[in-house]
């Protein structure tokens, strides 16, 4: 039985905004574990695009790719959900898998994976050619390599803010973001963890607000191995001009131990709403 999927990278061929606009295809790289062991062999994958971490609306048609080679847990595929799939909004990828020799049903891998920088690059380069892309995009802030330590807090664990970037935003503009962060659990044990993108007014830093709701989601999942991938995405309209801190809020509900951050791949985009 498949237990775990770690989204490693989402890539797209680079292109100048002044040159031919980038296409709708992007590369998705992930890591698949079968019974907590890195998978090796041929596997069939099904990919569906959604506008929410759970529930939500499916975007485009499902993509089924057969006999994809997986080597020591790592695989890479080319995905294309068509024009209009990425318009700057947050997107999540639902992945299901079965063994390549099977013709039966797919097994869903939860949770859905928040998509990172590559698809938004399609949006940023999809307007008229020019140095700043289409008129609605004000700024794109890529983030890579941020690390952090999240202490265990038990059932009443607080949200811990991991800052990724500082952005200047005008009233009426929108911040959209997506992030995938890999963490190591110490000691090596199953963990209970929740995650959300959040924003703080840099002037006081006292109040954290989730991107997608008035309160943070209390969504937890148990990870079966010491290396876990936490993904989050969201979009929020900013009501006051200012400088804001943006990043990921993590709640670690184990009774002991800590999560040690290893790698973050994320982006934040400012648009005129």
C-alpha atoms as a PDB file:
ATOM      1  CA  UNK A   1       0.000   0.000   0.000  1.00  0.00           C
ATOM      2  CA  UNK A   2       1.300   3.429  -0.917  1.00  0.00           C
ATOM      3  CA  UNK A   3       1.758   5.681   2.059  1.00  0.00           C
ATOM      4  CA  UNK A   4       3.530   8.855   1.123  1.00  0.00           C
ATOM      5  CA  UNK A   5       4.230  11.320  -1.666  1.00  0.00           C
ATOM      6  CA  UNK A   6       6.765  14.119  -1.395  1.00  0.00           C
ATOM      7  CA  UNK A   7       6.637  16.849  -4.025  1.00  0.00           C
ATOM      8  CA  UNK A   8      10.252  17.634  -4.806  1.00  0.00           C
ATOM      9  CA  UNK A   9      10.173  20.257  -7.528  1.00  0.00           C
ATOM     10  CA  UNK A  10       7.918  21.748 -10.147  1.00  0.00           C
ATOM     11  CA  UNK A  11       9.914  23.001 -13.089  1.00  0.00           C
ATOM     12  CA  UNK A  12       9.327  24.844 -16.321  1.00  0.00           C
ATOM     13  CA  UNK A  13      11.625  25.749 -19.196  1.00  0.00           C
ATOM     14  CA  UNK A  14      12.846  29.306 -18.780  1.00  0.00           C
ATOM     15  CA  UNK A  15      11.817  31.950 -21.276  1.00  0.00           C
ATOM     16  CA  UNK A  16      12.240  35.696 -21.561  1.00  0.00           C
ATOM     17  CA  UNK A  17       9.135  37.807 -21.100  1.00  0.00           C
ATOM     18  CA  UNK A  18      10.157  39.623 -24.242  1.00  0.00           C
ATOM     19  CA  UNK A  19      10.375  36.425 -26.273  1.00  0.00           C
ATOM     20  CA  UNK A  20       7.891  33.719 -27.188  1.00  0.00           C
ATOM     21  CA  UNK A  21       5.485  33.132 -24.273  1.00  0.00           C
ATOM     22  CA  UNK A  22       6.028  29.927 -22.321  1.00  0.00           C
ATOM     23  CA  UNK A  23       3.682  27.008 -23.035  1.00  0.00           C
ATOM     24  CA  UNK A  24       1.249  25.297 -20.702  1.00  0.00           C
ATOM     25  CA  UNK A  25       3.346  22.193 -20.005  1.00  0.00           C
ATOM     26  CA  UNK A  26       5.425  21.864 -16.862  1.00  0.00           C
ATOM     27  CA  UNK A  27       7.556  19.169 -15.265  1.00  0.00           C
ATOM     28  CA  UNK A  28       6.563  17.623 -11.946  1.00  0.00           C
ATOM     29  CA  UNK A  29       9.105  15.753  -9.844  1.00  0.00           C
ATOM     30  CA  UNK A  30       8.061  13.741  -6.816  1.00  0.00           C
ATOM     31  CA  UNK A  31       9.139  11.020  -4.452  1.00  0.00           C
ATOM     32  CA  UNK A  32       6.960   7.945  -3.914  1.00  0.00           C
ATOM     33  CA  UNK A  33       7.155   5.605  -0.928  1.00  0.00           C
ATOM     34  CA  UNK A  34       5.526   2.155  -0.823  1.00  0.00           C
ATOM     35  CA  UNK A  35       5.073   0.884   2.756  1.00  0.00           C
ATOM     36  CA  UNK A  36       7.633   3.478   3.924  1.00  0.00           C
ATOM     37  CA  UNK A  37      10.233   2.187   1.438  1.00  0.00           C
ATOM     38  CA  UNK A  38      11.304   4.225  -1.638  1.00  0.00           C
ATOM     39  CA  UNK A  39       9.435   2.716  -4.596  1.00  0.00           C
ATOM     40  CA  UNK A  40      11.229   1.308  -7.637  1.00  0.00           C
ATOM     41  CA  UNK A  41       9.629   0.035 -10.846  1.00  0.00           C
ATOM     42  CA  UNK A  42       6.900   1.062 -13.279  1.00  0.00           C
ATOM     43  CA  UNK A  43       3.803   2.814 -11.927  1.00  0.00           C
ATOM     44  CA  UNK A  44       0.653   4.351 -13.395  1.00  0.00           C
ATOM     45  CA  UNK A  45      -0.219   7.861 -12.173  1.00  0.00           C
ATOM     46  CA  UNK A  46      -3.394   9.930 -12.307  1.00  0.00           C
ATOM     47  CA  UNK A  47      -3.177  13.693 -11.791  1.00  0.00           C
ATOM     48  CA  UNK A  48      -6.111  16.039 -11.099  1.00  0.00           C
ATOM     49  CA  UNK A  49      -5.917  19.802 -10.591  1.00  0.00           C
ATOM     50  CA  UNK A  50      -8.067  21.524  -7.927  1.00  0.00           C
ATOM     51  CA  UNK A  51      -8.586  25.005  -6.516  1.00  0.00           C
ATOM     52  CA  UNK A  52      -8.544  23.876  -2.861  1.00  0.00           C
ATOM     53  CA  UNK A  53      -6.636  21.601  -0.499  1.00  0.00           C
ATOM     54  CA  UNK A  54      -9.765  19.494   0.027  1.00  0.00           C
ATOM     55  CA  UNK A  55     -13.085  19.511  -1.810  1.00  0.00           C
ATOM     56  CA  UNK A  56     -13.124  22.459  -4.179  1.00  0.00           C
ATOM     57  CA  UNK A  57     -13.556  22.460  -7.954  1.00  0.00           C
ATOM     58  CA  UNK A  58     -11.548  20.336 -10.354  1.00  0.00           C
ATOM     59  CA  UNK A  59      -9.719  22.353 -13.021  1.00  0.00           C
ATOM     60  CA  UNK A  60      -9.525  20.761 -16.459  1.00  0.00           C
ATOM     61  CA  UNK A  61      -9.505  17.045 -17.175  1.00  0.00           C
ATOM     62  CA  UNK A  62      -7.606  14.334 -15.282  1.00  0.00           C
ATOM     63  CA  UNK A  63      -4.279  13.214 -16.734  1.00  0.00           C
ATOM     64  CA  UNK A  64      -3.411   9.502 -16.722  1.00  0.00           C
ATOM     65  CA  UNK A  65       0.193   8.500 -17.403  1.00  0.00           C
ATOM     66  CA  UNK A  66       1.050   4.804 -17.583  1.00  0.00           C
ATOM     67  CA  UNK A  67       4.255   2.892 -16.892  1.00  0.00           C
ATOM     68  CA  UNK A  68       6.195   5.819 -15.456  1.00  0.00           C
ATOM     69  CA  UNK A  69       9.612   4.674 -14.198  1.00  0.00           C
ATOM     70  CA  UNK A  70      10.282   5.262 -10.500  1.00  0.00           C
ATOM     71  CA  UNK A  71      13.903   4.882  -9.397  1.00  0.00           C
ATOM     72  CA  UNK A  72      14.708   4.759  -5.684  1.00  0.00           C
ATOM     73  CA  UNK A  73      11.460   6.613  -5.004  1.00  0.00           C
ATOM     74  CA  UNK A  74      11.991   9.451  -7.487  1.00  0.00           C
ATOM     75  CA  UNK A  75       9.912  10.062 -10.612  1.00  0.00           C
ATOM     76  CA  UNK A  76       9.430  12.868 -13.123  1.00  0.00           C
ATOM     77  CA  UNK A  77       6.492  13.546 -15.449  1.00  0.00           C
ATOM     78  CA  UNK A  78       5.348  16.229 -17.886  1.00  0.00           C
ATOM     79  CA  UNK A  79       1.891  17.655 -17.112  1.00  0.00           C
ATOM     80  CA  UNK A  80      -0.336  19.911 -19.196  1.00  0.00           C
ATOM     81  CA  UNK A  81      -3.784  20.953 -17.955  1.00  0.00           C
ATOM     82  CA  UNK A  82      -4.299  23.328 -20.875  1.00  0.00           C
ATOM     83  CA  UNK A  83      -4.663  27.061 -21.320  1.00  0.00           C
ATOM     84  CA  UNK A  84      -6.421  28.865 -18.485  1.00  0.00           C
ATOM     85  CA  UNK A  85      -5.587  26.310 -15.792  1.00  0.00           C
ATOM     86  CA  UNK A  86      -3.280  28.798 -14.061  1.00  0.00           C
ATOM     87  CA  UNK A  87      -4.478  32.382 -13.863  1.00  0.00           C
ATOM     88  CA  UNK A  88      -2.589  33.400 -10.752  1.00  0.00           C
ATOM     89  CA  UNK A  89      -4.890  31.574  -8.315  1.00  0.00           C
ATOM     90  CA  UNK A  90      -3.688  28.907  -5.896  1.00  0.00           C
ATOM     91  CA  UNK A  91      -3.821  25.362  -7.257  1.00  0.00           C
ATOM     92  CA  UNK A  92      -3.419  21.907  -5.705  1.00  0.00           C
ATOM     93  CA  UNK A  93      -2.466  18.663  -7.411  1.00  0.00           C
ATOM     94  CA  UNK A  94      -4.253  15.446  -6.461  1.00  0.00           C
ATOM     95  CA  UNK A  95      -2.122  12.400  -7.238  1.00  0.00           C
ATOM     96  CA  UNK A  96      -3.240   8.771  -7.397  1.00  0.00           C
ATOM     97  CA  UNK A  97      -1.120   5.742  -8.265  1.00  0.00           C
ATOM     98  CA  UNK A  98      -1.199   2.032  -8.993  1.00  0.00           C
ATOM     99  CA  UNK A  99       1.432  -0.507  -9.964  1.00  0.00           C
ATOM    100  CA  UNK A 100       2.241  -0.509 -13.673  1.00  0.00           C
ATOM    101  CA  UNK A 101       1.192  -4.131 -14.111  1.00  0.00           C
ATOM    102  CA  UNK A 102      -2.225  -3.355 -12.620  1.00  0.00           C
ATOM    103  CA  UNK A 103      -5.373  -2.388 -14.509  1.00  0.00           C
ATOM    104  CA  UNK A 104      -7.389  -1.819 -11.338  1.00  0.00           C
ATOM    105  CA  UNK A 105      -8.290   1.316  -9.442  1.00  0.00           C
ATOM    106  CA  UNK A 106      -5.857   4.034  -8.431  1.00  0.00           C
ATOM    107  CA  UNK A 107      -4.932   4.704  -4.812  1.00  0.00           C
ATOM    108  CA  UNK A 108      -5.134   8.370  -3.818  1.00  0.00           C
ATOM    109  CA  UNK A 109      -2.066   9.900  -2.155  1.00  0.00           C
ATOM    110  CA  UNK A 110      -3.055  12.452   0.472  1.00  0.00           C
ATOM    111  CA  UNK A 111      -2.857  15.313   1.087  1.00  0.00           C
ATOM    112  CA  UNK A 112      -3.015  17.184  -2.212  1.00  0.00           C
ATOM    113  CA  UNK A 113       0.193  18.961  -3.178  1.00  0.00           C
ATOM    114  CA  UNK A 114       0.281  22.751  -3.466  1.00  0.00           C
ATOM    115  CA  UNK A 115       1.814  23.762  -6.775  1.00  0.00           C
ATOM    116  CA  UNK A 116       4.828  26.043  -6.642  1.00  0.00           C
ATOM    117  CA  UNK A 117       6.568  28.469  -8.963  1.00  0.00           C
ATOM    118  CA  UNK A 118       6.390  26.950 -12.424  1.00  0.00           C
ATOM    119  CA  UNK A 119       2.658  27.195 -13.190  1.00  0.00           C
ATOM    120  CA  UNK A 120       2.513  30.813 -12.042  1.00  0.00           C
ATOM    121  CA  UNK A 121       5.342  31.542 -14.468  1.00  0.00           C
ATOM    122  CA  UNK A 122       2.904  30.549 -17.212  1.00  0.00           C
ATOM    123  CA  UNK A 123       0.516  33.204 -15.914  1.00  0.00           C
ATOM    124  CA  UNK A 124       3.237  35.834 -15.557  1.00  0.00           C
ATOM    125  CA  UNK A 125       4.372  35.330 -19.135  1.00  0.00           C
ATOM    126  CA  UNK A 126       0.969  34.845 -20.725  1.00  0.00           C
ATOM    127  CA  UNK A 127       0.171  38.488 -21.472  1.00  0.00           C
ATOM    128  CA  UNK A 128       1.471  40.800 -24.156  1.00  0.00           C
ATOM    129  CA  UNK A 129       5.276  40.629 -24.503  1.00  0.00           C
ATOM    130  CA  UNK A 130       6.989  43.186 -22.330  1.00  0.00           C
ATOM    131  CA  UNK A 131       9.442  43.495 -19.463  1.00  0.00           C
ATOM    132  CA  UNK A 132       6.732  43.346 -16.796  1.00  0.00           C
ATOM    133  CA  UNK A 133       4.384  40.721 -18.225  1.00  0.00           C
ATOM    134  CA  UNK A 134       0.602  41.198 -18.192  1.00  0.00           C
ATOM    135  CA  UNK A 135      -0.890  44.320 -16.658  1.00  0.00           C
ATOM    136  CA  UNK A 136      -2.291  42.681 -13.501  1.00  0.00           C
ATOM    137  CA  UNK A 137       0.998  41.319 -12.133  1.00  0.00           C
ATOM    138  CA  UNK A 138       2.930  43.765  -9.950  1.00  0.00           C
ATOM    139  CA  UNK A 139       5.614  41.525  -8.472  1.00  0.00           C
ATOM    140  CA  UNK A 140       6.620  37.864  -8.187  1.00  0.00           C
ATOM    141  CA  UNK A 141       8.793  36.864  -5.233  1.00  0.00           C
ATOM    142  CA  UNK A 142      10.416  33.406  -5.471  1.00  0.00           C
ATOM    143  CA  UNK A 143      11.706  31.816  -2.259  1.00  0.00           C
ATOM    144  CA  UNK A 144      14.146  28.937  -1.961  1.00  0.00           C
ATOM    145  CA  UNK A 145      16.171  27.450   0.867  1.00  0.00           C
ATOM    146  CA  UNK A 146      14.537  28.878   4.029  1.00  0.00           C
ATOM    147  CA  UNK A 147      14.964  26.625   7.070  1.00  0.00           C
ATOM    148  CA  UNK A 148      13.387  26.583  10.532  1.00  0.00           C
ATOM    149  CA  UNK A 149      12.869  24.478  13.646  1.00  0.00           C
ATOM    150  CA  UNK A 150       9.353  23.763  14.917  1.00  0.00           C
ATOM    151  CA  UNK A 151       9.163  22.499  18.528  1.00  0.00           C
ATOM    152  CA  UNK A 152       6.560  19.947  19.577  1.00  0.00           C
ATOM    153  CA  UNK A 153       3.673  21.441  21.538  1.00  0.00           C
ATOM    154  CA  UNK A 154       1.283  18.588  22.249  1.00  0.00           C
ATOM    155  CA  UNK A 155      -2.465  18.832  21.669  1.00  0.00           C
ATOM    156  CA  UNK A 156      -2.431  22.569  22.388  1.00  0.00           C
ATOM    157  CA  UNK A 157       0.531  23.399  20.164  1.00  0.00           C
ATOM    158  CA  UNK A 158       0.697  27.027  19.001  1.00  0.00           C
ATOM    159  CA  UNK A 159       1.138  28.152  15.421  1.00  0.00           C
ATOM    160  CA  UNK A 160       4.810  28.847  14.659  1.00  0.00           C
ATOM    161  CA  UNK A 161       5.474  31.451  11.972  1.00  0.00           C
ATOM    162  CA  UNK A 162       8.287  30.710   9.500  1.00  0.00           C
ATOM    163  CA  UNK A 163       8.939  33.905   7.550  1.00  0.00           C
ATOM    164  CA  UNK A 164       9.758  33.465   3.862  1.00  0.00           C
ATOM    165  CA  UNK A 165       9.765  37.033   2.558  1.00  0.00           C
ATOM    166  CA  UNK A 166       8.831  40.665   3.168  1.00  0.00           C
ATOM    167  CA  UNK A 167       6.630  42.341   0.564  1.00  0.00           C
ATOM    168  CA  UNK A 168       5.301  45.859   0.023  1.00  0.00           C
ATOM    169  CA  UNK A 169       1.612  45.835  -0.914  1.00  0.00           C
ATOM    170  CA  UNK A 170      -0.868  48.606  -1.688  1.00  0.00           C
ATOM    171  CA  UNK A 171      -4.455  48.632  -0.494  1.00  0.00           C
ATOM    172  CA  UNK A 172      -6.690  46.684  -2.858  1.00  0.00           C
ATOM    173  CA  UNK A 173      -3.908  44.481  -4.172  1.00  0.00           C
ATOM    174  CA  UNK A 174      -3.907  40.703  -3.729  1.00  0.00           C
ATOM    175  CA  UNK A 175      -1.184  38.389  -2.458  1.00  0.00           C
ATOM    176  CA  UNK A 176      -1.243  34.850  -3.865  1.00  0.00           C
ATOM    177  CA  UNK A 177       1.246  32.263  -2.734  1.00  0.00           C
ATOM    178  CA  UNK A 178       2.216  28.616  -2.715  1.00  0.00           C
ATOM    179  CA  UNK A 179       4.880  26.710  -0.802  1.00  0.00           C
ATOM    180  CA  UNK A 180       6.260  23.219  -0.325  1.00  0.00           C
ATOM    181  CA  UNK A 181       8.572  22.734   2.658  1.00  0.00           C
ATOM    182  CA  UNK A 182      10.424  19.563   3.605  1.00  0.00           C
ATOM    183  CA  UNK A 183      10.995  18.818   7.292  1.00  0.00           C
ATOM    184  CA  UNK A 184      12.788  16.100   9.238  1.00  0.00           C
ATOM    185  CA  UNK A 185      11.117  14.751  12.375  1.00  0.00           C
ATOM    186  CA  UNK A 186      13.401  14.245  15.379  1.00  0.00           C
ATOM    187  CA  UNK A 187      13.044  11.568  16.671  1.00  0.00           C
ATOM    188  CA  UNK A 188      12.050   9.543  13.606  1.00  0.00           C
ATOM    189  CA  UNK A 189       8.343   8.982  14.294  1.00  0.00           C
ATOM    190  CA  UNK A 190       4.909   9.601  12.879  1.00  0.00           C
ATOM    191  CA  UNK A 191       3.900  13.228  13.312  1.00  0.00           C
ATOM    192  CA  UNK A 192       0.718  15.239  13.595  1.00  0.00           C
ATOM    193  CA  UNK A 193       1.063  18.588  11.926  1.00  0.00           C
ATOM    194  CA  UNK A 194      -1.026  21.394  10.426  1.00  0.00           C
ATOM    195  CA  UNK A 195       0.141  24.040   7.986  1.00  0.00           C
ATOM    196  CA  UNK A 196      -1.130  27.252   6.369  1.00  0.00           C
ATOM    197  CA  UNK A 197       0.224  30.254   4.501  1.00  0.00           C
ATOM    198  CA  UNK A 198      -0.020  33.319   6.683  1.00  0.00           C
ATOM    199  CA  UNK A 199       0.651  37.042   6.649  1.00  0.00           C
ATOM    200  CA  UNK A 200       1.681  39.529   9.330  1.00  0.00           C
ATOM    201  CA  UNK A 201       1.710  43.319   9.391  1.00  0.00           C
ATOM    202  CA  UNK A 202       5.430  44.045   9.606  1.00  0.00           C
ATOM    203  CA  UNK A 203       4.768  47.160  11.661  1.00  0.00           C
ATOM    204  CA  UNK A 204       3.828  45.208  14.786  1.00  0.00           C
ATOM    205  CA  UNK A 205       4.238  41.528  13.859  1.00  0.00           C
ATOM    206  CA  UNK A 206       1.825  40.516  16.598  1.00  0.00           C
ATOM    207  CA  UNK A 207      -1.104  39.278  14.542  1.00  0.00           C
ATOM    208  CA  UNK A 208      -0.905  36.392  12.102  1.00  0.00           C
ATOM    209  CA  UNK A 209      -3.679  35.902   9.566  1.00  0.00           C
ATOM    210  CA  UNK A 210      -4.190  32.898   7.322  1.00  0.00           C
ATOM    211  CA  UNK A 211      -4.359  33.634   3.601  1.00  0.00           C
ATOM    212  CA  UNK A 212      -7.626  31.829   2.937  1.00  0.00           C
ATOM    213  CA  UNK A 213      -9.759  32.274   6.040  1.00  0.00           C
ATOM    214  CA  UNK A 214     -10.373  34.380   9.141  1.00  0.00           C
ATOM    215  CA  UNK A 215      -8.906  31.537  11.179  1.00  0.00           C
ATOM    216  CA  UNK A 216      -6.312  28.896  10.448  1.00  0.00           C
ATOM    217  CA  UNK A 217      -7.438  25.482   9.180  1.00  0.00           C
ATOM    218  CA  UNK A 218      -7.099  22.715  11.764  1.00  0.00           C
ATOM    219  CA  UNK A 219      -6.231  20.066   9.188  1.00  0.00           C
ATOM    220  CA  UNK A 220      -3.838  17.412  10.429  1.00  0.00           C
ATOM    221  CA  UNK A 221      -2.311  14.382   8.821  1.00  0.00           C
ATOM    222  CA  UNK A 222       0.041  11.721  10.087  1.00  0.00           C
ATOM    223  CA  UNK A 223       3.302  11.304   8.211  1.00  0.00           C
ATOM    224  CA  UNK A 224       4.732   7.773   8.320  1.00  0.00           C
ATOM    225  CA  UNK A 225       8.411   8.600   7.958  1.00  0.00           C
ATOM    226  CA  UNK A 226      10.918  11.048   9.358  1.00  0.00           C
ATOM    227  CA  UNK A 227      11.014  13.177   6.170  1.00  0.00           C
ATOM    228  CA  UNK A 228       7.736  14.944   5.425  1.00  0.00           C
ATOM    229  CA  UNK A 229       6.627  17.534   2.887  1.00  0.00           C
ATOM    230  CA  UNK A 230       4.224  20.258   4.000  1.00  0.00           C
ATOM    231  CA  UNK A 231       2.384  22.146   1.275  1.00  0.00           C
ATOM    232  CA  UNK A 232       0.117  25.168   1.456  1.00  0.00           C
ATOM    233  CA  UNK A 233      -1.345  27.719  -0.923  1.00  0.00           C
ATOM    234  CA  UNK A 234      -3.758  30.595  -0.778  1.00  0.00           C
ATOM    235  CA  UNK A 235      -4.740  34.085  -1.838  1.00  0.00           C
ATOM    236  CA  UNK A 236      -5.684  37.138   0.216  1.00  0.00           C
ATOM    237  CA  UNK A 237      -6.879  40.666  -0.591  1.00  0.00           C
ATOM    238  CA  UNK A 238      -4.938  43.332   1.319  1.00  0.00           C
ATOM    239  CA  UNK A 239      -7.030  46.182   2.725  1.00  0.00           C
ATOM    240  CA  UNK A 240      -4.261  48.514   3.917  1.00  0.00           C
ATOM    241  CA  UNK A 241      -1.065  49.712   2.255  1.00  0.00           C
ATOM    242  CA  UNK A 242       2.035  48.527   4.068  1.00  0.00           C
ATOM    243  CA  UNK A 243       4.952  46.154   4.338  1.00  0.00           C
ATOM    244  CA  UNK A 244       3.986  42.625   5.236  1.00  0.00           C
ATOM    245  CA  UNK A 245       5.795  39.482   6.307  1.00  0.00           C
ATOM    246  CA  UNK A 246       4.598  36.378   4.498  1.00  0.00           C
ATOM    247  CA  UNK A 247       5.410  32.752   5.161  1.00  0.00           C
ATOM    248  CA  UNK A 248       4.175  29.443   6.505  1.00  0.00           C
ATOM    249  CA  UNK A 249       2.543  28.775   9.871  1.00  0.00           C
ATOM    250  CA  UNK A 250       3.133  25.279  11.260  1.00  0.00           C
ATOM    251  CA  UNK A 251       1.515  23.567  14.256  1.00  0.00           C
ATOM    252  CA  UNK A 252       3.398  20.467  15.515  1.00  0.00           C
ATOM    253  CA  UNK A 253       1.158  18.456  17.871  1.00  0.00           C
ATOM    254  CA  UNK A 254       3.522  15.690  18.925  1.00  0.00           C
ATOM    255  CA  UNK A 255       4.232  15.534  22.658  1.00  0.00           C
ATOM    256  CA  UNK A 256       8.006  15.654  22.171  1.00  0.00           C
ATOM    257  CA  UNK A 257      10.686  16.215  19.551  1.00  0.00           C
ATOM    258  CA  UNK A 258      10.934  18.850  16.848  1.00  0.00           C
ATOM    259  CA  UNK A 259      10.641  19.397  13.113  1.00  0.00           C
ATOM    260  CA  UNK A 260      13.795  20.654  11.440  1.00  0.00           C
ATOM    261  CA  UNK A 261      13.328  22.477   8.139  1.00  0.00           C
ATOM    262  CA  UNK A 262      15.427  21.366   5.210  1.00  0.00           C
ATOM    263  CA  UNK A 263      14.209  23.086   2.042  1.00  0.00           C
ATOM    264  CA  UNK A 264      11.444  25.420   0.948  1.00  0.00           C
ATOM    265  CA  UNK A 265      10.314  26.059  -2.622  1.00  0.00           C
ATOM    266  CA  UNK A 266       7.688  28.790  -2.773  1.00  0.00           C
ATOM    267  CA  UNK A 267       6.494  31.927  -4.511  1.00  0.00           C
ATOM    268  CA  UNK A 268       4.366  34.954  -3.687  1.00  0.00           C
ATOM    269  CA  UNK A 269       2.745  37.098  -6.358  1.00  0.00           C
ATOM    270  CA  UNK A 270       1.301  40.600  -5.952  1.00  0.00           C
ATOM    271  CA  UNK A 271      -1.475  41.497  -8.387  1.00  0.00           C
ATOM    272  CA  UNK A 272      -3.850  44.392  -8.930  1.00  0.00           C
ATOM    273  CA  UNK A 273      -7.123  42.798  -7.899  1.00  0.00           C
END
